[in-house]
Amino acid sequence: MAEVIITYLQMYSAAELKPRPSPDPRFTIREAVVRQWRLNRFLYSFVGDDWTWTDKKSWSNGQWQTYVNTDDLRTFVASYEGSIAGYYELHRDDAQAVEIIYFGLAPEYHRPRFRRRDAD
């Protein structure tokens, strides 16, 4: 079995967040405001298969619907030139803390495979 490494990040105040604009206008991150459980299921497999994400692999459609259709979950999709580059999910718990549930890149954007066209 492959070794599993879990990394934790912690921020105590929104003031600690220092957002920066993307240096490349071809790269965007947008929130998927309309809840679509099929999108989350697709992104989970699309991004997670290379990393052996398995915790939700056996979920039924109903489990996915319940998971996605909560006001506490937010999904963000990253795109590069219109193609899905990755995604992340944020979940707010009962104590109002926010956790990054999933965060990852699409296989085409893993280094060293990803090369910008203008880098040739």
PDB file of N, CA and C in Angstrom:
ATOM      1  N   MET A   1       0.835  -1.178   0.000  1.00  0.00           N
ATOM      2  CA  MET A   1       0.000   0.000   0.000  1.00  0.00           C
ATOM      3  C   MET A   1       0.885   1.248   0.000  1.00  0.00           C
ATOM      4  N   ALA A   2       0.462   2.260  -0.772  1.00  0.00           N
ATOM      5  CA  ALA A   2       1.228   3.495  -0.874  1.00  0.00           C
ATOM      6  C   ALA A   2       1.159   4.280   0.428  1.00  0.00           C
ATOM      7  N   GLU A   3       2.229   4.974   0.728  1.00  0.00           N
ATOM      8  CA  GLU A   3       2.264   5.829   1.912  1.00  0.00           C
ATOM      9  C   GLU A   3       1.324   7.010   1.705  1.00  0.00           C
ATOM     10  N   VAL A   4       0.563   7.349   2.715  1.00  0.00           N
ATOM     11  CA  VAL A   4      -0.359   8.479   2.660  1.00  0.00           C
ATOM     12  C   VAL A   4       0.213   9.607   3.504  1.00  0.00           C
ATOM     13  N   ILE A   5       0.309  10.773   2.889  1.00  0.00           N
ATOM     14  CA  ILE A   5       0.806  11.949   3.594  1.00  0.00           C
ATOM     15  C   ILE A   5      -0.334  12.955   3.678  1.00  0.00           C
ATOM     16  N   ILE A   6      -0.664  13.378   4.868  1.00  0.00           N
ATOM     17  CA  ILE A   6      -1.705  14.381   5.077  1.00  0.00           C
ATOM     18  C   ILE A   6      -1.030  15.639   5.597  1.00  0.00           C
ATOM     19  N   THR A   7      -1.319  16.767   4.945  1.00  0.00           N
ATOM     20  CA  THR A   7      -0.736  18.044   5.327  1.00  0.00           C
ATOM     21  C   THR A   7      -1.852  18.955   5.812  1.00  0.00           C
ATOM     22  N   TYR A   8      -1.636  19.633   6.915  1.00  0.00           N
ATOM     23  CA  TYR A   8      -2.627  20.535   7.477  1.00  0.00           C
ATOM     24  C   TYR A   8      -2.133  21.969   7.376  1.00  0.00           C
ATOM     25  N   LEU A   9      -3.049  22.863   7.015  1.00  0.00           N
ATOM     26  CA  LEU A   9      -2.791  24.297   7.000  1.00  0.00           C
ATOM     27  C   LEU A   9      -3.753  24.911   8.000  1.00  0.00           C
ATOM     28  N   GLN A  10      -3.336  25.977   8.647  1.00  0.00           N
ATOM     29  CA  GLN A  10      -4.221  26.587   9.618  1.00  0.00           C
ATOM     30  C   GLN A  10      -4.103  28.098   9.537  1.00  0.00           C
ATOM     31  N   MET A  11      -5.260  28.755   9.603  1.00  0.00           N
ATOM     32  CA  MET A  11      -5.317  30.203   9.590  1.00  0.00           C
ATOM     33  C   MET A  11      -6.360  30.596  10.630  1.00  0.00           C
ATOM     34  N   TYR A  12      -6.042  31.507  11.504  1.00  0.00           N
ATOM     35  CA  TYR A  12      -6.925  31.879  12.595  1.00  0.00           C
ATOM     36  C   TYR A  12      -7.790  33.097  12.296  1.00  0.00           C
ATOM     37  N   SER A  13      -7.474  33.840  11.257  1.00  0.00           N
ATOM     38  CA  SER A  13      -8.209  35.054  10.957  1.00  0.00           C
ATOM     39  C   SER A  13      -8.229  35.285   9.455  1.00  0.00           C
ATOM     40  N   ALA A  14      -9.346  35.789   8.963  1.00  0.00           N
ATOM     41  CA  ALA A  14      -9.430  36.115   7.535  1.00  0.00           C
ATOM     42  C   ALA A  14      -8.415  37.190   7.155  1.00  0.00           C
ATOM     43  N   ALA A  15      -7.974  37.976   8.114  1.00  0.00           N
ATOM     44  CA  ALA A  15      -6.975  39.016   7.854  1.00  0.00           C
ATOM     45  C   ALA A  15      -5.624  38.411   7.452  1.00  0.00           C
ATOM     46  N   GLU A  16      -5.417  37.146   7.796  1.00  0.00           N
ATOM     47  CA  GLU A  16      -4.173  36.480   7.420  1.00  0.00           C
ATOM     48  C   GLU A  16      -4.131  36.116   5.936  1.00  0.00           C
ATOM     49  N   LEU A  17      -5.290  36.089   5.291  1.00  0.00           N
ATOM     50  CA  LEU A  17      -5.372  35.751   3.875  1.00  0.00           C
ATOM     51  C   LEU A  17      -4.897  36.924   3.037  1.00  0.00           C
ATOM     52  N   LYS A  18      -3.960  36.676   2.170  1.00  0.00           N
ATOM     53  CA  LYS A  18      -3.406  37.720   1.317  1.00  0.00           C
ATOM     54  C   LYS A  18      -3.587  37.310  -0.147  1.00  0.00           C
ATOM     55  N   PRO A  19      -4.805  37.513  -0.710  1.00  0.00           N
ATOM     56  CA  PRO A  19      -5.048  37.093  -2.092  1.00  0.00           C
ATOM     57  C   PRO A  19      -4.216  37.897  -3.085  1.00  0.00           C
ATOM     58  N   ARG A  20      -3.843  37.221  -4.142  1.00  0.00           N
ATOM     59  CA  ARG A  20      -3.090  37.861  -5.216  1.00  0.00           C
ATOM     60  C   ARG A  20      -3.773  37.539  -6.535  1.00  0.00           C
ATOM     61  N   PRO A  21      -3.814  38.488  -7.448  1.00  0.00           N
ATOM     62  CA  PRO A  21      -4.407  38.189  -8.749  1.00  0.00           C
ATOM     63  C   PRO A  21      -3.517  37.212  -9.521  1.00  0.00           C
ATOM     64  N   SER A  22      -4.140  36.455 -10.394  1.00  0.00           N
ATOM     65  CA  SER A  22      -3.379  35.516 -11.218  1.00  0.00           C
ATOM     66  C   SER A  22      -2.466  36.290 -12.154  1.00  0.00           C
ATOM     67  N   PRO A  23      -1.199  35.882 -12.278  1.00  0.00           N
ATOM     68  CA  PRO A  23      -0.300  36.565 -13.210  1.00  0.00           C
ATOM     69  C   PRO A  23      -0.611  36.201 -14.661  1.00  0.00           C
ATOM     70  N   ASP A  24      -1.496  35.213 -14.869  1.00  0.00           N
ATOM     71  CA  ASP A  24      -1.828  34.749 -16.217  1.00  0.00           C
ATOM     72  C   ASP A  24      -3.340  34.811 -16.396  1.00  0.00           C
ATOM     73  N   PRO A  25      -3.842  35.695 -17.251  1.00  0.00           N
ATOM     74  CA  PRO A  25      -5.290  35.834 -17.418  1.00  0.00           C
ATOM     75  C   PRO A  25      -5.955  34.585 -18.016  1.00  0.00           C
ATOM     76  N   ARG A  26      -5.176  33.662 -18.526  1.00  0.00           N
ATOM     77  CA  ARG A  26      -5.746  32.418 -19.068  1.00  0.00           C
ATOM     78  C   ARG A  26      -6.134  31.451 -17.953  1.00  0.00           C
ATOM     79  N   PHE A  27      -5.666  31.724 -16.727  1.00  0.00           N
ATOM     80  CA  PHE A  27      -5.975  30.882 -15.573  1.00  0.00           C
ATOM     81  C   PHE A  27      -7.042  31.576 -14.732  1.00  0.00           C
ATOM     82  N   THR A  28      -8.139  30.868 -14.447  1.00  0.00           N
ATOM     83  CA  THR A  28      -9.211  31.429 -13.638  1.00  0.00           C
ATOM     84  C   THR A  28      -9.674  30.411 -12.597  1.00  0.00           C
ATOM     85  N   ILE A  29     -10.212  30.923 -11.522  1.00  0.00           N
ATOM     86  CA  ILE A  29     -10.860  30.086 -10.503  1.00  0.00           C
ATOM     87  C   ILE A  29     -12.237  30.691 -10.266  1.00  0.00           C
ATOM     88  N   ARG A  30     -13.253  29.855 -10.405  1.00  0.00           N
ATOM     89  CA  ARG A  30     -14.626  30.312 -10.224  1.00  0.00           C
ATOM     90  C   ARG A  30     -15.368  29.373  -9.291  1.00  0.00           C
ATOM     91  N   GLU A  31     -16.244  29.941  -8.484  1.00  0.00           N
ATOM     92  CA  GLU A  31     -17.082  29.103  -7.643  1.00  0.00           C
ATOM     93  C   GLU A  31     -18.210  28.509  -8.482  1.00  0.00           C
ATOM     94  N   ALA A  32     -18.458  27.231  -8.289  1.00  0.00           N
ATOM     95  CA  ALA A  32     -19.593  26.553  -8.926  1.00  0.00           C
ATOM     96  C   ALA A  32     -20.804  26.813  -8.032  1.00  0.00           C
ATOM     97  N   VAL A  33     -21.494  27.906  -8.273  1.00  0.00           N
ATOM     98  CA  VAL A  33     -22.571  28.355  -7.396  1.00  0.00           C
ATOM     99  C   VAL A  33     -23.782  27.432  -7.484  1.00  0.00           C
ATOM    100  N   VAL A  34     -24.117  26.971  -8.680  1.00  0.00           N
ATOM    101  CA  VAL A  34     -25.216  26.025  -8.838  1.00  0.00           C
ATOM    102  C   VAL A  34     -24.704  24.658  -8.403  1.00  0.00           C
ATOM    103  N   ARG A  35     -25.357  24.070  -7.432  1.00  0.00           N
ATOM    104  CA  ARG A  35     -24.910  22.780  -6.878  1.00  0.00           C
ATOM    105  C   ARG A  35     -25.253  21.655  -7.845  1.00  0.00           C
ATOM    106  N   GLN A  36     -24.207  20.938  -8.284  1.00  0.00           N
ATOM    107  CA  GLN A  36     -24.375  19.819  -9.202  1.00  0.00           C
ATOM    108  C   GLN A  36     -23.551  18.650  -8.676  1.00  0.00           C
ATOM    109  N   TRP A  37     -24.200  17.708  -8.024  1.00  0.00           N
ATOM    110  CA  TRP A  37     -23.480  16.600  -7.409  1.00  0.00           C
ATOM    111  C   TRP A  37     -22.681  15.809  -8.437  1.00  0.00           C
ATOM    112  N   ARG A  38     -23.160  15.722  -9.661  1.00  0.00           N
ATOM    113  CA  ARG A  38     -22.425  14.994 -10.700  1.00  0.00           C
ATOM    114  C   ARG A  38     -21.089  15.680 -11.014  1.00  0.00           C
ATOM    115  N   LEU A  39     -21.078  17.014 -10.950  1.00  0.00           N
ATOM    116  CA  LEU A  39     -19.829  17.757 -11.160  1.00  0.00           C
ATOM    117  C   LEU A  39     -18.836  17.412 -10.066  1.00  0.00           C
ATOM    118  N   ASN A  40     -19.267  17.440  -8.809  1.00  0.00           N
ATOM    119  CA  ASN A  40     -18.357  17.111  -7.711  1.00  0.00           C
ATOM    120  C   ASN A  40     -17.850  15.681  -7.819  1.00  0.00           C
ATOM    121  N   ARG A  41     -18.731  14.755  -8.181  1.00  0.00           N
ATOM    122  CA  ARG A  41     -18.314  13.360  -8.344  1.00  0.00           C
ATOM    123  C   ARG A  41     -17.284  13.248  -9.468  1.00  0.00           C
ATOM    124  N   PHE A  42     -17.529  13.938 -10.594  1.00  0.00           N
ATOM    125  CA  PHE A  42     -16.583  13.924 -11.703  1.00  0.00           C
ATOM    126  C   PHE A  42     -15.234  14.509 -11.282  1.00  0.00           C
ATOM    127  N   LEU A  43     -15.243  15.679 -10.646  1.00  0.00           N
ATOM    128  CA  LEU A  43     -13.994  16.322 -10.246  1.00  0.00           C
ATOM    129  C   LEU A  43     -13.213  15.459  -9.266  1.00  0.00           C
ATOM    130  N   TYR A  44     -13.918  14.829  -8.348  1.00  0.00           N
ATOM    131  CA  TYR A  44     -13.283  13.943  -7.369  1.00  0.00           C
ATOM    132  C   TYR A  44     -12.503  12.836  -8.088  1.00  0.00           C
ATOM    133  N   SER A  45     -13.112  12.210  -9.080  1.00  0.00           N
ATOM    134  CA  SER A  45     -12.419  11.139  -9.823  1.00  0.00           C
ATOM    135  C   SER A  45     -11.364  11.695 -10.766  1.00  0.00           C
ATOM    136  N   PHE A  46     -11.709  12.756 -11.474  1.00  0.00           N
ATOM    137  CA  PHE A  46     -10.804  13.340 -12.466  1.00  0.00           C
ATOM    138  C   PHE A  46      -9.492  13.777 -11.832  1.00  0.00           C
ATOM    139  N   VAL A  47      -9.583  14.429 -10.692  1.00  0.00           N
ATOM    140  CA  VAL A  47      -8.393  14.905  -9.991  1.00  0.00           C
ATOM    141  C   VAL A  47      -7.807  13.822  -9.091  1.00  0.00           C
ATOM    142  N   GLY A  48      -8.658  13.069  -8.416  1.00  0.00           N
ATOM    143  CA  GLY A  48      -8.191  12.159  -7.377  1.00  0.00           C
ATOM    144  C   GLY A  48      -7.701  10.797  -7.816  1.00  0.00           C
ATOM    145  N   ASP A  49      -8.064  10.353  -9.021  1.00  0.00           N
ATOM    146  CA  ASP A  49      -7.659   9.008  -9.442  1.00  0.00           C
ATOM    147  C   ASP A  49      -6.139   8.812  -9.421  1.00  0.00           C
ATOM    148  N   ASP A  50      -5.395   9.796  -9.894  1.00  0.00           N
ATOM    149  CA  ASP A  50      -3.928   9.678  -9.899  1.00  0.00           C
ATOM    150  C   ASP A  50      -3.332   9.666  -8.495  1.00  0.00           C
ATOM    151  N   TRP A  51      -4.110  10.133  -7.509  1.00  0.00           N
ATOM    152  CA  TRP A  51      -3.624  10.210  -6.131  1.00  0.00           C
ATOM    153  C   TRP A  51      -4.268   9.139  -5.255  1.00  0.00           C
ATOM    154  N   THR A  52      -5.000   8.239  -5.875  1.00  0.00           N
ATOM    155  CA  THR A  52      -5.651   7.122  -5.183  1.00  0.00           C
ATOM    156  C   THR A  52      -6.620   7.603  -4.110  1.00  0.00           C
ATOM    157  N   TRP A  53      -7.394   8.643  -4.435  1.00  0.00           N
ATOM    158  CA  TRP A  53      -8.468   9.060  -3.534  1.00  0.00           C
ATOM    159  C   TRP A  53      -9.525   7.972  -3.581  1.00  0.00           C
ATOM    160  N   THR A  54      -9.858   7.390  -2.455  1.00  0.00           N
ATOM    161  CA  THR A  54     -10.808   6.279  -2.448  1.00  0.00           C
ATOM    162  C   THR A  54     -11.956   6.452  -1.464  1.00  0.00           C
ATOM    163  N   ASP A  55     -11.893   7.450  -0.595  1.00  0.00           N
ATOM    164  CA  ASP A  55     -12.889   7.559   0.467  1.00  0.00           C
ATOM    165  C   ASP A  55     -14.320   7.744  -0.031  1.00  0.00           C
ATOM    166  N   LYS A  56     -14.506   8.287  -1.223  1.00  0.00           N
ATOM    167  CA  LYS A  56     -15.857   8.494  -1.752  1.00  0.00           C
ATOM    168  C   LYS A  56     -16.111   7.681  -3.027  1.00  0.00           C
ATOM    169  N   LYS A  57     -15.191   6.812  -3.412  1.00  0.00           N
ATOM    170  CA  LYS A  57     -15.322   6.035  -4.643  1.00  0.00           C
ATOM    171  C   LYS A  57     -16.582   5.180  -4.675  1.00  0.00           C
ATOM    172  N   SER A  58     -16.973   4.624  -3.549  1.00  0.00           N
ATOM    173  CA  SER A  58     -18.109   3.701  -3.513  1.00  0.00           C
ATOM    174  C   SER A  58     -19.437   4.399  -3.196  1.00  0.00           C
ATOM    175  N   TRP A  59     -19.436   5.707  -3.126  1.00  0.00           N
ATOM    176  CA  TRP A  59     -20.656   6.430  -2.773  1.00  0.00           C
ATOM    177  C   TRP A  59     -21.744   6.261  -3.817  1.00  0.00           C
ATOM    178  N   SER A  60     -22.974   6.196  -3.351  1.00  0.00           N
ATOM    179  CA  SER A  60     -24.144   6.149  -4.231  1.00  0.00           C
ATOM    180  C   SER A  60     -24.467   7.559  -4.717  1.00  0.00           C
ATOM    181  N   ASN A  61     -25.344   7.635  -5.719  1.00  0.00           N
ATOM    182  CA  ASN A  61     -25.788   8.952  -6.190  1.00  0.00           C
ATOM    183  C   ASN A  61     -26.434   9.738  -5.049  1.00  0.00           C
ATOM    184  N   GLY A  62     -27.211   9.060  -4.213  1.00  0.00           N
ATOM    185  CA  GLY A  62     -27.862   9.718  -3.083  1.00  0.00           C
ATOM    186  C   GLY A  62     -26.873  10.298  -2.095  1.00  0.00           C
ATOM    187  N   GLN A  63     -25.793   9.572  -1.832  1.00  0.00           N
ATOM    188  CA  GLN A  63     -24.761  10.091  -0.917  1.00  0.00           C
ATOM    189  C   GLN A  63     -24.111  11.340  -1.503  1.00  0.00           C
ATOM    190  N   TRP A  64     -23.844  11.328  -2.809  1.00  0.00           N
ATOM    191  CA  TRP A  64     -23.266  12.503  -3.458  1.00  0.00           C
ATOM    192  C   TRP A  64     -24.233  13.680  -3.389  1.00  0.00           C
ATOM    193  N   GLN A  65     -25.520  13.433  -3.627  1.00  0.00           N
ATOM    194  CA  GLN A  65     -26.505  14.514  -3.573  1.00  0.00           C
ATOM    195  C   GLN A  65     -26.558  15.136  -2.183  1.00  0.00           C
ATOM    196  N   THR A  66     -26.598  14.303  -1.162  1.00  0.00           N
ATOM    197  CA  THR A  66     -26.634  14.802   0.215  1.00  0.00           C
ATOM    198  C   THR A  66     -25.385  15.615   0.532  1.00  0.00           C
ATOM    199  N   TYR A  67     -24.230  15.117   0.134  1.00  0.00           N
ATOM    200  CA  TYR A  67     -22.949  15.780   0.392  1.00  0.00           C
ATOM    201  C   TYR A  67     -22.890  17.166  -0.260  1.00  0.00           C
ATOM    202  N   VAL A  68     -23.292  17.245  -1.519  1.00  0.00           N
ATOM    203  CA  VAL A  68     -23.148  18.488  -2.282  1.00  0.00           C
ATOM    204  C   VAL A  68     -24.251  19.494  -1.955  1.00  0.00           C
ATOM    205  N   ASN A  69     -25.439  19.018  -1.631  1.00  0.00           N
ATOM    206  CA  ASN A  69     -26.572  19.917  -1.440  1.00  0.00           C
ATOM    207  C   ASN A  69     -26.682  20.477  -0.029  1.00  0.00           C
ATOM    208  N   THR A  70     -25.568  20.732   0.592  1.00  0.00           N
ATOM    209  CA  THR A  70     -25.558  21.399   1.889  1.00  0.00           C
ATOM    210  C   THR A  70     -25.012  22.810   1.710  1.00  0.00           C
ATOM    211  N   ASP A  71     -25.576  23.745   2.456  1.00  0.00           N
ATOM    212  CA  ASP A  71     -25.098  25.130   2.374  1.00  0.00           C
ATOM    213  C   ASP A  71     -23.683  25.278   2.910  1.00  0.00           C
ATOM    214  N   ASP A  72     -23.186  24.263   3.600  1.00  0.00           N
ATOM    215  CA  ASP A  72     -21.857  24.332   4.206  1.00  0.00           C
ATOM    216  C   ASP A  72     -20.728  23.960   3.251  1.00  0.00           C
ATOM    217  N   LEU A  73     -21.059  23.485   2.052  1.00  0.00           N
ATOM    218  CA  LEU A  73     -20.038  23.078   1.086  1.00  0.00           C
ATOM    219  C   LEU A  73     -19.982  24.082  -0.061  1.00  0.00           C
ATOM    220  N   ARG A  74     -18.758  24.473  -0.428  1.00  0.00           N
ATOM    221  CA  ARG A  74     -18.541  25.346  -1.593  1.00  0.00           C
ATOM    222  C   ARG A  74     -17.499  24.682  -2.481  1.00  0.00           C
ATOM    223  N   THR A  75     -17.749  24.716  -3.787  1.00  0.00           N
ATOM    224  CA  THR A  75     -16.867  24.086  -4.770  1.00  0.00           C
ATOM    225  C   THR A  75     -16.317  25.155  -5.701  1.00  0.00           C
ATOM    226  N   PHE A  76     -15.018  25.114  -5.943  1.00  0.00           N
ATOM    227  CA  PHE A  76     -14.342  26.058  -6.824  1.00  0.00           C
ATOM    228  C   PHE A  76     -13.598  25.276  -7.904  1.00  0.00           C
ATOM    229  N   VAL A  77     -13.751  25.706  -9.153  1.00  0.00           N
ATOM    230  CA  VAL A  77     -13.133  25.019 -10.289  1.00  0.00           C
ATOM    231  C   VAL A  77     -12.094  25.942 -10.913  1.00  0.00           C
ATOM    232  N   ALA A  78     -10.888  25.427 -11.095  1.00  0.00           N
ATOM    233  CA  ALA A  78      -9.817  26.170 -11.755  1.00  0.00           C
ATOM    234  C   ALA A  78      -9.791  25.771 -13.229  1.00  0.00           C
ATOM    235  N   SER A  79      -9.607  26.770 -14.092  1.00  0.00           N
ATOM    236  CA  SER A  79      -9.541  26.517 -15.533  1.00  0.00           C
ATOM    237  C   SER A  79      -8.322  27.201 -16.120  1.00  0.00           C
ATOM    238  N   TYR A  80      -7.770  26.569 -17.128  1.00  0.00           N
ATOM    239  CA  TYR A  80      -6.683  27.177 -17.886  1.00  0.00           C
ATOM    240  C   TYR A  80      -7.071  27.097 -19.355  1.00  0.00           C
ATOM    241  N   GLU A  81      -7.217  28.248 -19.975  1.00  0.00           N
ATOM    242  CA  GLU A  81      -7.659  28.339 -21.363  1.00  0.00           C
ATOM    243  C   GLU A  81      -8.935  27.533 -21.608  1.00  0.00           C
ATOM    244  N   GLY A  82      -9.859  27.567 -20.644  1.00  0.00           N
ATOM    245  CA  GLY A  82     -11.141  26.915 -20.788  1.00  0.00           C
ATOM    246  C   GLY A  82     -11.185  25.452 -20.408  1.00  0.00           C
ATOM    247  N   SER A  83     -10.051  24.843 -20.111  1.00  0.00           N
ATOM    248  CA  SER A  83      -9.999  23.435 -19.710  1.00  0.00           C
ATOM    249  C   SER A  83      -9.883  23.332 -18.195  1.00  0.00           C
ATOM    250  N   ILE A  84     -10.513  22.312 -17.619  1.00  0.00           N
ATOM    251  CA  ILE A  84     -10.449  22.139 -16.171  1.00  0.00           C
ATOM    252  C   ILE A  84      -9.015  21.849 -15.755  1.00  0.00           C
ATOM    253  N   ALA A  85      -8.501  22.690 -14.875  1.00  0.00           N
ATOM    254  CA  ALA A  85      -7.129  22.535 -14.393  1.00  0.00           C
ATOM    255  C   ALA A  85      -7.081  21.962 -12.985  1.00  0.00           C
ATOM    256  N   GLY A  86      -8.199  22.005 -12.262  1.00  0.00           N
ATOM    257  CA  GLY A  86      -8.237  21.483 -10.908  1.00  0.00           C
ATOM    258  C   GLY A  86      -9.464  21.981 -10.182  1.00  0.00           C
ATOM    259  N   TYR A  87      -9.528  21.685  -8.905  1.00  0.00           N
ATOM    260  CA  TYR A  87     -10.658  22.151  -8.104  1.00  0.00           C
ATOM    261  C   TYR A  87     -10.320  22.070  -6.629  1.00  0.00           C
ATOM    262  N   TYR A  88     -11.165  22.714  -5.829  1.00  0.00           N
ATOM    263  CA  TYR A  88     -11.100  22.527  -4.384  1.00  0.00           C
ATOM    264  C   TYR A  88     -12.489  22.694  -3.794  1.00  0.00           C
ATOM    265  N   GLU A  89     -12.687  22.060  -2.656  1.00  0.00           N
ATOM    266  CA  GLU A  89     -13.938  22.151  -1.923  1.00  0.00           C
ATOM    267  C   GLU A  89     -13.650  22.696  -0.530  1.00  0.00           C
ATOM    268  N   LEU A  90     -14.515  23.599  -0.084  1.00  0.00           N
ATOM    269  CA  LEU A  90     -14.434  24.149   1.261  1.00  0.00           C
ATOM    270  C   LEU A  90     -15.681  23.741   2.027  1.00  0.00           C
ATOM    271  N   HIS A  91     -15.498  23.352   3.285  1.00  0.00           N
ATOM    272  CA  HIS A  91     -16.633  22.969   4.121  1.00  0.00           C
ATOM    273  C   HIS A  91     -16.581  23.728   5.439  1.00  0.00           C
ATOM    274  N   ARG A  92     -17.715  24.346   5.794  1.00  0.00           N
ATOM    275  CA  ARG A  92     -17.839  25.067   7.060  1.00  0.00           C
ATOM    276  C   ARG A  92     -18.489  24.138   8.071  1.00  0.00           C
ATOM    277  N   ASP A  93     -17.842  23.975   9.245  1.00  0.00           N
ATOM    278  CA  ASP A  93     -18.388  23.070  10.262  1.00  0.00           C
ATOM    279  C   ASP A  93     -19.289  23.834  11.239  1.00  0.00           C
ATOM    280  N   ASP A  94     -19.806  23.127  12.213  1.00  0.00           N
ATOM    281  CA  ASP A  94     -20.733  23.718  13.186  1.00  0.00           C
ATOM    282  C   ASP A  94     -20.104  24.859  13.986  1.00  0.00           C
ATOM    283  N   ALA A  95     -18.786  24.820  14.163  1.00  0.00           N
ATOM    284  CA  ALA A  95     -18.088  25.879  14.900  1.00  0.00           C
ATOM    285  C   ALA A  95     -17.706  27.046  13.985  1.00  0.00           C
ATOM    286  N   GLN A  96     -18.168  27.001  12.720  1.00  0.00           N
ATOM    287  CA  GLN A  96     -17.902  28.032  11.711  1.00  0.00           C
ATOM    288  C   GLN A  96     -16.466  28.033  11.210  1.00  0.00           C
ATOM    289  N   ALA A  97     -15.717  26.986  11.507  1.00  0.00           N
ATOM    290  CA  ALA A  97     -14.375  26.839  10.945  1.00  0.00           C
ATOM    291  C   ALA A  97     -14.520  26.304   9.518  1.00  0.00           C
ATOM    292  N   VAL A  98     -13.611  26.677   8.640  1.00  0.00           N
ATOM    293  CA  VAL A  98     -13.661  26.241   7.249  1.00  0.00           C
ATOM    294  C   VAL A  98     -12.486  25.306   6.990  1.00  0.00           C
ATOM    295  N   GLU A  99     -12.791  24.177   6.381  1.00  0.00           N
ATOM    296  CA  GLU A  99     -11.772  23.172   6.063  1.00  0.00           C
ATOM    297  C   GLU A  99     -11.693  22.985   4.553  1.00  0.00           C
ATOM    298  N   ILE A 100     -10.483  22.867   4.039  1.00  0.00           N
ATOM    299  CA  ILE A 100     -10.293  22.479   2.640  1.00  0.00           C
ATOM    300  C   ILE A 100     -10.496  20.973   2.598  1.00  0.00           C
ATOM    301  N   ILE A 101     -11.575  20.526   1.985  1.00  0.00           N
ATOM    302  CA  ILE A 101     -11.889  19.103   1.941  1.00  0.00           C
ATOM    303  C   ILE A 101     -11.058  18.410   0.866  1.00  0.00           C
ATOM    304  N   TYR A 102     -11.075  18.967  -0.332  1.00  0.00           N
ATOM    305  CA  TYR A 102     -10.261  18.436  -1.436  1.00  0.00           C
ATOM    306  C   TYR A 102      -9.601  19.597  -2.143  1.00  0.00           C
ATOM    307  N   PHE A 103      -8.414  19.336  -2.660  1.00  0.00           N
ATOM    308  CA  PHE A 103      -7.654  20.336  -3.401  1.00  0.00           C
ATOM    309  C   PHE A 103      -6.728  19.566  -4.323  1.00  0.00           C
ATOM    310  N   GLY A 104      -6.802  19.817  -5.614  1.00  0.00           N
ATOM    311  CA  GLY A 104      -5.910  19.095  -6.512  1.00  0.00           C
ATOM    312  C   GLY A 104      -5.982  19.603  -7.935  1.00  0.00           C
ATOM    313  N   LEU A 105      -4.995  19.177  -8.704  1.00  0.00           N
ATOM    314  CA  LEU A 105      -4.893  19.541 -10.115  1.00  0.00           C
ATOM    315  C   LEU A 105      -5.283  18.374 -11.007  1.00  0.00           C
ATOM    316  N   ALA A 106      -5.800  18.704 -12.177  1.00  0.00           N
ATOM    317  CA  ALA A 106      -6.093  17.694 -13.188  1.00  0.00           C
ATOM    318  C   ALA A 106      -4.776  17.073 -13.648  1.00  0.00           C
ATOM    319  N   PRO A 107      -4.806  15.812 -14.094  1.00  0.00           N
ATOM    320  CA  PRO A 107      -3.562  15.126 -14.470  1.00  0.00           C
ATOM    321  C   PRO A 107      -2.699  15.893 -15.477  1.00  0.00           C
ATOM    322  N   GLU A 108      -3.325  16.588 -16.405  1.00  0.00           N
ATOM    323  CA  GLU A 108      -2.563  17.313 -17.433  1.00  0.00           C
ATOM    324  C   GLU A 108      -1.748  18.467 -16.865  1.00  0.00           C
ATOM    325  N   TYR A 109      -2.013  18.833 -15.635  1.00  0.00           N
ATOM    326  CA  TYR A 109      -1.333  19.981 -15.030  1.00  0.00           C
ATOM    327  C   TYR A 109      -0.360  19.590 -13.929  1.00  0.00           C
ATOM    328  N   HIS A 110      -0.088  18.321 -13.802  1.00  0.00           N
ATOM    329  CA  HIS A 110       0.942  17.885 -12.853  1.00  0.00           C
ATOM    330  C   HIS A 110       2.302  18.141 -13.481  1.00  0.00           C
ATOM    331  N   ARG A 111       3.208  18.658 -12.741  1.00  0.00           N
ATOM    332  CA  ARG A 111       4.581  18.828 -13.242  1.00  0.00           C
ATOM    333  C   ARG A 111       5.252  17.470 -13.279  1.00  0.00           C
ATOM    334  N   PRO A 112       6.142  17.139 -14.154  1.00  0.00           N
ATOM    335  CA  PRO A 112       6.657  17.975 -15.231  1.00  0.00           C
ATOM    336  C   PRO A 112       5.876  17.857 -16.530  1.00  0.00           C
ATOM    337  N   ARG A 113       4.742  17.158 -16.513  1.00  0.00           N
ATOM    338  CA  ARG A 113       3.999  16.961 -17.759  1.00  0.00           C
ATOM    339  C   ARG A 113       3.448  18.254 -18.332  1.00  0.00           C
ATOM    340  N   PHE A 114       3.005  19.180 -17.470  1.00  0.00           N
ATOM    341  CA  PHE A 114       2.390  20.406 -17.955  1.00  0.00           C
ATOM    342  C   PHE A 114       3.470  21.365 -18.435  1.00  0.00           C
ATOM    343  N   ARG A 115       3.318  21.792 -19.656  1.00  0.00           N
ATOM    344  CA  ARG A 115       4.226  22.794 -20.209  1.00  0.00           C
ATOM    345  C   ARG A 115       3.393  23.848 -20.903  1.00  0.00           C
ATOM    346  N   ARG A 116       3.666  25.076 -20.599  1.00  0.00           N
ATOM    347  CA  ARG A 116       2.952  26.153 -21.283  1.00  0.00           C
ATOM    348  C   ARG A 116       3.352  26.164 -22.745  1.00  0.00           C
ATOM    349  N   ARG A 117       2.400  26.492 -23.598  1.00  0.00           N
ATOM    350  CA  ARG A 117       2.689  26.540 -25.033  1.00  0.00           C
ATOM    351  C   ARG A 117       3.734  27.594 -25.365  1.00  0.00           C
ATOM    352  N   ASP A 118       3.737  28.696 -24.630  1.00  0.00           N
ATOM    353  CA  ASP A 118       4.695  29.760 -24.927  1.00  0.00           C
ATOM    354  C   ASP A 118       6.085  29.480 -24.332  1.00  0.00           C
ATOM    355  N   ALA A 119       6.239  28.323 -23.660  1.00  0.00           N
ATOM    356  CA  ALA A 119       7.545  27.982 -23.090  1.00  0.00           C
ATOM    357  C   ALA A 119       8.431  27.252 -24.089  1.00  0.00           C
ATOM    358  N   ASP A 120       7.873  26.904 -25.247  1.00  0.00           N
ATOM    359  CA  ASP A 120       8.665  26.187 -26.272  1.00  0.00           C
ATOM    360  C   ASP A 120       9.596  27.100 -27.007  1.00  0.00           C
TER     361      ASP A 120
END
